Amino acid sequence: MGATRVGPQARREYLARMRERYETADRAAKSRLLNEVCEVTGYHRKAAIRLLRRPAVRRRHSRGRPVRYGPMVVGTLRRIWEAAGYPWSLRLQALLPTWLPWAMRRWKISRDVAAKLRTMSPRQMDRCLRPFKSELRKRQYGRTKPGTLLKHQIPLKTDRWDVQVPGFTEIDLVAHSGDRAEGDFVHSLNVTDIHTTWVETRAVMGKSQHHVQEALEHLRQALPFRLQGIDSDNGSEFINHHLRGYCAMHAIQFTRGRPYKKDDNAHIEQKNWTHVRKLLGYVRYDSAAALTAINALYEELRLLQNLFLPSVKLVEKRRVGARLQRHYDAPRTPLERVAMCADVDRIKLRALQRLAAELDPIGRAQRIDQRLAAVYRLANQRVSPATVTKPRVDAARPVDAKNAPTRSLENRTERGFPQRPHASQSKSSSVTRLTAR
């Protein structure tokens, strides 16, 4: 008599049922069950015995190394990473010793979790955070026009910065115009120091020569060292007699880059993304209330970025075959780099060091999120870019503006996480990694 044809799934279910009977049967009953199993399945008698004696659930031995960093460690690392604004893993490892004590107070982190975070390598941080990283399409709107013939009286600077003292800076103006350039709208004046990576930002309404000069004076007073030089693009907001006379009066060296060559001002272009675009996105702000709210945001942000977030600086570039190898120094905060300089304002430096010892960086990051939400509500959505993808809103960080990027990973598709852009979509991927270099 031939064996009955049954499918694999039916055969497994049949064997599972017969296994229960086989385990409790006596010798004679087991013989009869084996005869039936062989007839139904077509198995050899010895094969049927092995299958019926096999445990119902097979234990699978895990392969590879044991998991050292569990959900608690990864979850804590992610929370600190998000609060710090999604820094590169090398910078994230450098800021952990400062941020962990505050995180242990706020989130009741165990000593075991804290010890594992302190010993985690940057490469392991990348592996743990990889599932939470995604991409963002970046759009750029240029609103700068070349200056007048006065630019020929301002020298060009195209060589690599090689300064060993603070005070030599690059400056730029970032437009928050949305889809249209007509009318008055808010701009962000960004200043970054080459030697210390210190960054100051101030919002102005429009880009009149008078307003830009006033904002630059405000930033000059906030710097913990003397402003010795500025390097700008060729926009009319910088190439004018007001700013040239202001620089001459305060003994400030004034240089400019070549027209349409953003690489001449690479340092400030990086800061335009990390300190402005990543927070405020590409929506339009054109009200006095938005101007006040953005300046209040920048006051909070300057302390977080300059006192608590380490940065790296490019030491050398070397070509190896077809690839370019870049080597960076150890991550340090801008405040640490300022403290290593001799020519700084010691009164301001000591005041900033006291703030760094007293302020809670996690609480500061939460206040920045609250100010960002207030700023987003003041955006002019009628003339802002349309949203390409619908963001997933984090309940902990509500966002009202449709196109406003946020600091949370869920809402950027590292502030629109804000998520790290893909290199094929824009150059902001490398910019995000080169923060404050």
Protein backbone atom coordinates (compact mmCIF):
# COMPACT_ATOMS: atom_id res chain seq x y z
CA MET A 1 0.00 0.00 0.00
CA GLY A 2 1.55 3.31 -1.05
CA ALA A 3 2.13 6.27 1.29
CA THR A 4 -0.43 9.05 1.41
CA ARG A 5 0.75 12.33 -0.20
CA VAL A 6 0.71 15.23 2.30
CA GLY A 7 2.27 18.72 2.16
CA PRO A 8 5.17 19.90 4.36
CA GLN A 9 2.99 22.06 6.62
CA ALA A 10 0.44 19.27 7.13
CA ARG A 11 3.26 16.81 7.81
CA ARG A 12 4.70 19.07 10.54
CA GLU A 13 1.32 19.53 12.19
CA TYR A 14 0.67 15.76 12.01
CA LEU A 15 4.05 14.94 13.59
CA ALA A 16 3.48 17.50 16.37
CA ARG A 17 0.19 15.81 17.26
CA MET A 18 1.65 12.27 17.06
CA ARG A 19 4.67 13.34 19.18
CA GLU A 20 2.37 14.07 22.12
CA ARG A 21 0.83 10.59 21.87
CA TYR A 22 4.19 8.88 21.29
CA GLU A 23 5.74 10.31 24.49
CA THR A 24 3.04 8.82 26.76
CA ALA A 25 2.44 5.51 24.89
CA ASP A 26 3.70 2.08 26.02
CA ARG A 27 5.96 -0.15 23.89
CA ALA A 28 3.18 -1.82 21.93
CA ALA A 29 1.35 1.46 21.31
CA LYS A 30 4.57 3.11 20.11
CA SER A 31 5.02 0.32 17.56
CA ARG A 32 1.53 0.84 16.20
CA LEU A 33 2.04 4.66 16.09
CA LEU A 34 5.29 4.22 14.18
CA ASN A 35 3.55 2.01 11.62
CA GLU A 36 0.89 4.70 11.12
CA VAL A 37 3.43 7.53 10.85
CA CYS A 38 5.49 5.66 8.26
CA GLU A 39 2.36 4.92 6.23
CA VAL A 40 1.08 8.54 6.32
CA THR A 41 4.37 10.39 5.81
CA GLY A 42 6.42 7.88 3.83
CA TYR A 43 9.36 8.25 6.25
CA HIS A 44 11.72 5.36 7.04
CA ARG A 45 11.03 3.83 10.44
CA LYS A 46 14.34 5.11 11.97
CA ALA A 47 13.68 8.62 10.61
CA ALA A 48 10.21 8.59 12.16
CA ILE A 49 11.67 7.54 15.53
CA ARG A 50 14.16 10.45 15.45
CA LEU A 51 11.43 12.95 14.59
CA LEU A 52 9.06 11.74 17.29
CA ARG A 53 11.80 11.78 19.93
CA ARG A 54 12.93 15.29 18.96
CA PRO A 55 11.78 18.08 21.35
CA ALA A 56 8.87 20.16 20.10
CA VAL A 57 10.91 23.42 20.35
CA ARG A 58 14.51 23.20 19.24
CA ARG A 59 16.99 25.34 21.09
CA ARG A 60 19.02 27.46 18.76
CA HIS A 61 22.45 28.46 19.87
CA SER A 62 23.13 32.14 19.29
CA ARG A 63 26.10 32.92 17.09
CA GLY A 64 28.62 35.69 17.37
CA ARG A 65 29.60 37.78 20.36
CA PRO A 66 27.25 38.27 23.29
CA VAL A 67 25.33 41.55 23.36
CA ARG A 68 27.11 43.98 25.66
CA TYR A 69 25.16 47.16 25.07
CA GLY A 70 21.52 46.39 25.78
CA PRO A 71 18.36 48.48 25.24
CA MET A 72 19.01 50.62 28.33
CA VAL A 73 22.49 51.63 27.16
CA VAL A 74 21.39 52.29 23.57
CA GLY A 75 18.28 54.18 24.72
CA THR A 76 20.32 56.43 27.02
CA LEU A 77 22.90 57.04 24.30
CA ARG A 78 20.13 58.01 21.90
CA ARG A 79 18.57 60.47 24.38
CA ILE A 80 21.91 62.21 24.95
CA TRP A 81 22.61 62.19 21.21
CA GLU A 82 19.26 63.83 20.47
CA ALA A 83 19.63 66.39 23.27
CA ALA A 84 23.08 67.36 21.94
CA GLY A 85 21.74 67.98 18.43
CA TYR A 86 22.86 64.72 16.76
CA PRO A 87 26.67 65.16 16.84
CA TRP A 88 29.12 62.96 14.99
CA SER A 89 30.13 59.87 17.02
CA LEU A 90 33.65 61.18 17.71
CA ARG A 91 32.18 64.39 19.15
CA LEU A 92 29.49 62.42 20.97
CA GLN A 93 32.13 60.36 22.76
CA ALA A 94 33.98 63.56 23.75
CA LEU A 95 30.88 65.23 25.26
CA LEU A 96 29.69 62.19 27.26
CA PRO A 97 31.90 62.85 30.34
CA THR A 98 30.30 66.31 30.71
CA TRP A 99 26.73 65.32 29.89
CA LEU A 100 26.52 61.97 31.73
CA PRO A 101 26.43 63.38 35.31
CA TRP A 102 23.47 65.59 34.38
CA ALA A 103 21.77 62.73 32.56
CA MET A 104 22.17 60.49 35.65
CA ARG A 105 20.40 63.12 37.76
CA ARG A 106 17.55 63.64 35.33
CA TRP A 107 16.89 60.10 34.08
CA LYS A 108 18.12 57.97 37.04
CA ILE A 109 20.68 56.09 34.99
CA SER A 110 22.40 53.22 36.77
CA ARG A 111 26.15 53.22 37.32
CA ASP A 112 26.48 50.11 35.17
CA VAL A 113 24.83 51.86 32.20
CA ALA A 114 26.99 54.96 32.72
CA ALA A 115 30.15 52.84 32.89
CA LYS A 116 29.30 51.11 29.61
CA LEU A 117 28.60 54.45 27.91
CA ARG A 118 32.00 55.77 29.01
CA THR A 119 33.79 52.79 27.48
CA MET A 120 31.82 52.71 24.20
CA SER A 121 33.88 53.47 21.10
CA PRO A 122 32.75 55.91 18.39
CA ARG A 123 32.39 53.05 15.90
CA GLN A 124 30.13 51.18 18.32
CA MET A 125 28.06 54.35 18.83
CA ASP A 126 27.54 54.52 15.08
CA ARG A 127 26.36 50.91 15.04
CA CYS A 128 23.96 51.46 17.94
CA LEU A 129 22.51 54.66 16.47
CA ARG A 130 22.31 53.46 12.86
CA PRO A 131 18.62 52.40 13.06
CA PHE A 132 17.65 55.91 14.19
CA LYS A 133 19.37 57.83 11.41
CA SER A 134 17.56 58.78 8.24
CA GLU A 135 17.83 61.23 5.40
CA LEU A 136 16.64 64.74 4.58
CA ARG A 137 16.32 66.46 1.24
CA LYS A 138 17.96 69.82 1.38
CA ARG A 139 16.98 72.79 -0.76
CA GLN A 140 18.94 76.00 -1.05
CA TYR A 141 17.79 79.44 -1.98
CA GLY A 142 20.50 81.97 -2.78
CA ARG A 143 19.57 85.57 -1.98
CA THR A 144 22.97 87.25 -2.19
CA LYS A 145 23.88 89.56 -5.03
CA PRO A 146 27.40 90.77 -5.82
CA GLY A 147 28.44 94.10 -4.38
CA THR A 148 29.42 97.27 -6.20
CA LEU A 149 32.81 98.36 -7.49
CA LEU A 150 33.86 98.86 -3.86
CA LYS A 151 34.68 95.15 -3.74
CA HIS A 152 37.81 95.80 -5.79
CA GLN A 153 39.15 97.79 -2.83
CA ILE A 154 38.69 94.82 -0.48
CA PRO A 155 41.39 92.16 -0.93
CA LEU A 156 40.56 88.60 -1.91
CA LYS A 157 41.45 85.69 0.34
CA THR A 158 41.57 82.29 -1.37
CA ASP A 159 44.38 80.49 0.47
CA ARG A 160 43.91 78.10 3.39
CA TRP A 161 43.49 79.67 6.82
CA ASP A 162 46.67 79.24 8.88
CA VAL A 163 46.10 81.28 12.02
CA GLN A 164 47.24 80.39 15.53
CA VAL A 165 45.41 83.13 17.43
CA PRO A 166 41.68 83.79 17.86
CA GLY A 167 39.83 86.69 16.28
CA PHE A 168 40.05 85.93 12.55
CA THR A 169 36.54 85.00 11.43
CA GLU A 170 34.32 84.24 8.46
CA ILE A 171 30.86 85.82 8.28
CA ASP A 172 27.77 85.22 6.20
CA LEU A 173 24.09 86.12 6.05
CA VAL A 174 21.44 83.38 5.84
CA ALA A 175 18.04 84.32 4.38
CA HIS A 176 14.78 83.07 5.91
CA SER A 177 12.67 84.03 2.91
CA GLY A 178 10.72 80.87 2.13
CA ASP A 179 9.80 80.61 -1.54
CA ARG A 180 9.89 84.33 -2.30
CA ALA A 181 12.51 87.05 -1.97
CA GLU A 182 10.24 90.11 -2.07
CA GLY A 183 9.63 92.25 0.98
CA ASP A 184 11.48 92.31 4.29
CA PHE A 185 12.21 89.06 6.06
CA VAL A 186 14.58 87.84 8.73
CA HIS A 187 18.24 87.05 8.05
CA SER A 188 20.73 85.37 10.37
CA LEU A 189 24.20 86.88 10.60
CA ASN A 190 26.62 84.04 11.33
CA VAL A 191 30.20 84.54 12.56
CA THR A 192 32.68 81.72 13.18
CA ASP A 193 36.22 81.99 14.50
CA ILE A 194 38.75 79.94 12.55
CA HIS A 195 41.16 79.06 15.37
CA THR A 196 38.75 78.30 18.23
CA THR A 197 35.60 77.30 16.20
CA TRP A 198 33.59 79.74 18.37
CA VAL A 199 30.27 80.71 16.71
CA GLU A 200 28.00 83.70 17.30
CA THR A 201 24.70 84.31 15.47
CA ARG A 202 22.30 87.26 15.41
CA ALA A 203 19.02 87.74 13.54
CA VAL A 204 18.27 90.99 11.66
CA MET A 205 15.25 92.20 9.72
CA GLY A 206 16.24 92.70 6.10
CA LYS A 207 19.85 93.01 5.08
CA SER A 208 20.39 96.73 5.17
CA GLN A 209 23.94 97.92 5.71
CA HIS A 210 23.01 99.62 8.98
CA HIS A 211 21.30 96.56 10.49
CA VAL A 212 24.13 94.23 9.50
CA GLN A 213 26.70 96.57 11.03
CA GLU A 214 24.67 96.79 14.27
CA ALA A 215 24.41 93.00 14.45
CA LEU A 216 28.15 92.62 13.87
CA GLU A 217 28.85 95.07 16.70
CA HIS A 218 26.58 93.02 18.99
CA LEU A 219 28.48 89.86 18.10
CA ARG A 220 31.85 91.55 18.51
CA GLN A 221 30.94 92.50 22.07
CA ALA A 222 29.84 88.92 22.81
CA LEU A 223 33.11 87.31 21.66
CA PRO A 224 35.52 86.33 24.46
CA PHE A 225 38.44 87.67 22.39
CA ARG A 226 39.14 90.67 20.19
CA LEU A 227 37.72 90.55 16.66
CA GLN A 228 40.79 90.94 14.43
CA GLY A 229 39.51 90.05 10.97
CA ILE A 230 36.41 89.18 8.96
CA ASP A 231 36.15 87.34 5.65
CA SER A 232 32.83 87.60 3.78
CA ASP A 233 31.26 86.86 0.41
CA ASN A 234 30.55 89.58 -2.16
CA GLY A 235 27.01 90.47 -1.11
CA SER A 236 26.03 94.12 -0.90
CA GLU A 237 25.25 93.70 2.80
CA PHE A 238 29.02 93.34 3.39
CA ILE A 239 30.64 95.13 0.47
CA ASN A 240 29.69 98.68 1.43
CA HIS A 241 31.26 101.83 2.85
CA HIS A 242 29.51 101.42 6.22
CA LEU A 243 31.14 98.10 7.02
CA ARG A 244 34.49 99.07 5.49
CA GLY A 245 34.60 102.21 7.63
CA TYR A 246 33.54 100.23 10.71
CA CYS A 247 36.40 97.76 10.19
CA ALA A 248 38.90 100.57 9.69
CA MET A 249 37.74 102.28 12.90
CA HIS A 250 38.15 99.11 15.01
CA ALA A 251 41.36 97.90 13.27
CA ILE A 252 39.62 94.82 11.83
CA GLN A 253 41.13 93.18 8.74
CA PHE A 254 38.46 92.96 6.01
CA THR A 255 38.82 90.39 3.20
CA ARG A 256 36.40 88.65 0.84
CA GLY A 257 36.12 85.45 -1.17
CA ARG A 258 35.75 85.12 -4.92
CA PRO A 259 32.27 85.60 -6.41
CA TYR A 260 30.27 82.37 -6.74
CA LYS A 261 33.03 80.34 -4.99
CA LYS A 262 31.52 79.10 -1.73
CA ASP A 263 34.58 76.99 -0.98
CA ASP A 264 36.46 80.21 -0.22
CA ASN A 265 34.21 80.53 2.85
CA ALA A 266 33.90 76.84 3.68
CA HIS A 267 33.99 77.28 7.47
CA ILE A 268 31.00 79.61 7.61
CA GLU A 269 29.08 77.59 5.03
CA GLN A 270 29.34 74.62 7.41
CA LYS A 271 28.01 76.72 10.28
CA ASN A 272 25.15 78.00 8.13
CA TRP A 273 23.86 74.43 8.08
CA THR A 274 24.68 73.25 11.60
CA HIS A 275 23.75 76.45 13.47
CA VAL A 276 20.98 77.94 11.32
CA ARG A 277 19.40 75.77 8.60
CA LYS A 278 19.30 72.63 10.73
CA LEU A 279 17.20 74.52 13.27
CA LEU A 280 15.08 76.97 11.32
CA GLY A 281 14.80 75.15 8.00
CA TYR A 282 13.73 76.97 4.83
CA VAL A 283 10.43 78.50 5.93
CA ARG A 284 9.79 82.26 5.93
CA TYR A 285 10.04 84.52 8.98
CA ASP A 286 9.03 88.12 8.30
CA SER A 287 7.51 89.51 11.53
CA ALA A 288 8.97 91.48 14.44
CA ALA A 289 7.77 88.76 16.82
CA ALA A 290 9.69 86.12 14.83
CA LEU A 291 12.82 88.31 14.92
CA THR A 292 12.63 88.60 18.73
CA ALA A 293 11.96 84.88 19.17
CA ILE A 294 14.87 83.88 16.92
CA ASN A 295 17.31 86.14 18.78
CA ALA A 296 16.13 84.65 22.09
CA LEU A 297 16.78 81.21 20.60
CA TYR A 298 20.29 82.18 19.51
CA GLU A 299 21.11 83.42 23.05
CA GLU A 300 20.30 79.95 24.41
CA LEU A 301 21.99 78.15 21.55
CA ARG A 302 25.33 79.99 21.79
CA LEU A 303 25.91 78.62 25.29
CA LEU A 304 25.01 75.06 24.34
CA GLN A 305 27.14 75.04 21.17
CA ASN A 306 30.19 76.86 22.52
CA LEU A 307 30.32 75.47 26.07
CA PHE A 308 29.11 71.86 25.79
CA LEU A 309 29.44 70.54 22.22
CA PRO A 310 32.96 69.43 21.18
CA SER A 311 34.17 70.02 17.66
CA VAL A 312 37.10 68.78 15.59
CA LYS A 313 39.48 70.70 13.38
CA LEU A 314 41.13 69.51 10.19
CA VAL A 315 44.87 68.97 10.76
CA GLU A 316 45.95 67.71 7.34
CA LYS A 317 44.73 66.24 4.07
CA ARG A 318 46.71 63.59 2.27
CA ARG A 319 45.95 61.93 -1.06
CA VAL A 320 46.39 58.16 -1.08
CA GLY A 321 45.78 56.82 -4.56
CA ALA A 322 42.35 57.99 -5.66
CA ARG A 323 41.17 58.77 -2.15
CA LEU A 324 41.70 61.81 0.07
CA GLN A 325 42.48 61.06 3.71
CA ARG A 326 41.62 63.70 6.29
CA HIS A 327 43.08 63.77 9.78
CA TYR A 328 41.52 65.75 12.62
CA ASP A 329 42.61 66.77 16.08
CA ALA A 330 41.01 65.59 19.32
CA PRO A 331 37.44 66.85 19.90
CA ARG A 332 37.29 69.91 22.15
CA THR A 333 34.60 72.44 22.92
CA PRO A 334 35.12 75.98 21.61
CA LEU A 335 35.41 77.12 25.24
CA GLU A 336 38.30 74.70 25.80
CA ARG A 337 40.04 76.00 22.68
CA VAL A 338 39.56 79.61 23.85
CA ALA A 339 41.01 78.74 27.29
CA MET A 340 44.16 77.43 25.59
CA CYS A 341 44.78 80.82 23.92
CA ALA A 342 46.78 83.62 25.49
CA ASP A 343 45.15 86.62 23.79
CA VAL A 344 41.59 86.38 25.21
CA ASP A 345 39.40 88.40 27.56
CA ARG A 346 40.09 86.71 30.91
CA ILE A 347 37.05 88.24 32.61
CA LYS A 348 34.68 86.88 29.97
CA LEU A 349 36.53 83.57 29.95
CA ARG A 350 36.16 83.04 33.71
CA ALA A 351 32.47 83.95 33.54
CA LEU A 352 31.92 81.42 30.75
CA GLN A 353 33.83 78.72 32.65
CA ARG A 354 31.61 79.28 35.69
CA LEU A 355 28.55 78.94 33.46
CA ALA A 356 29.90 75.70 31.99
CA ALA A 357 30.29 74.27 35.49
CA GLU A 358 26.83 75.35 36.66
CA LEU A 359 24.55 74.93 33.64
CA ASP A 360 22.72 71.70 32.84
CA PRO A 361 23.26 70.97 29.10
CA ILE A 362 20.26 68.64 28.94
CA GLY A 363 17.98 71.26 30.45
CA ARG A 364 19.44 73.84 28.09
CA ALA A 365 18.67 71.57 25.12
CA GLN A 366 15.08 71.17 26.31
CA ARG A 367 14.65 74.95 26.57
CA ILE A 368 16.00 75.28 23.04
CA ASP A 369 13.34 72.81 21.87
CA GLN A 370 10.65 74.92 23.55
CA ARG A 371 11.96 78.09 21.91
CA LEU A 372 12.10 76.31 18.54
CA ALA A 373 8.45 75.33 18.86
CA ALA A 374 7.59 78.97 19.61
CA VAL A 375 9.62 80.15 16.59
CA TYR A 376 7.95 77.63 14.25
CA ARG A 377 4.53 78.96 15.19
CA LEU A 378 5.61 82.40 13.95
CA ALA A 379 6.59 81.19 10.46
CA ASN A 380 4.72 82.60 7.47
CA GLN A 381 3.40 79.38 5.93
CA ARG A 382 1.79 81.07 2.91
CA VAL A 383 5.16 81.71 1.29
CA SER A 384 7.10 78.74 2.67
CA PRO A 385 8.24 75.70 0.68
CA ALA A 386 5.73 72.88 0.42
CA THR A 387 6.37 69.83 2.54
CA VAL A 388 7.72 66.92 0.48
CA THR A 389 7.10 64.22 3.09
CA LYS A 390 4.79 64.31 6.06
CA PRO A 391 6.93 64.34 9.23
CA ARG A 392 6.25 62.00 12.11
CA VAL A 393 5.58 64.25 15.09
CA ASP A 394 7.21 63.43 18.41
CA ALA A 395 4.74 63.99 21.23
CA ALA A 396 7.54 65.28 23.43
CA ARG A 397 8.35 67.98 20.88
CA PRO A 398 5.15 69.29 19.28
CA VAL A 399 5.61 71.19 16.04
CA ASP A 400 2.95 73.42 14.55
CA ALA A 401 4.71 74.67 11.43
CA LYS A 402 4.26 72.28 8.52
CA ASN A 403 7.74 72.69 7.11
CA ALA A 404 9.69 73.49 10.24
CA PRO A 405 12.50 71.05 10.93
CA THR A 406 13.01 70.04 14.55
CA ARG A 407 15.78 68.80 16.78
CA SER A 408 14.12 65.42 17.24
CA LEU A 409 15.15 62.46 15.11
CA GLU A 410 11.55 61.55 14.34
CA ASN A 411 10.79 64.89 12.71
CA ARG A 412 13.70 65.29 10.33
CA THR A 413 13.07 63.55 6.78
CA GLU A 414 19.99 65.76 12.83
CA ARG A 415 16.24 70.24 13.36
CA GLY A 416 13.48 69.39 8.82
CA PHE A 417 16.55 65.20 12.08
CA PRO A 418 16.28 66.94 12.02
CA GLN A 419 18.04 64.00 10.03
CA ARG A 420 21.42 63.82 8.40
CA PRO A 421 21.17 64.61 4.65
CA HIS A 422 22.40 62.12 2.09
CA ALA A 423 25.60 62.98 0.27
CA SER A 424 23.99 62.40 -3.14
CA GLN A 425 21.25 64.90 -2.33
CA SER A 426 23.43 67.69 -0.98
CA LYS A 427 26.80 68.40 0.50
CA SER A 428 25.22 68.76 3.95
CA SER A 429 26.16 65.17 4.85
CA SER A 430 29.82 66.12 5.06
CA VAL A 431 28.86 69.45 6.60
CA THR A 432 27.06 67.73 9.45
CA ARG A 433 30.10 65.59 10.19
CA LEU A 434 32.47 68.57 9.96
CA THR A 435 30.54 70.62 12.50
CA ALA A 436 32.64 73.41 13.98
CA ARG A 437 35.88 72.45 12.28
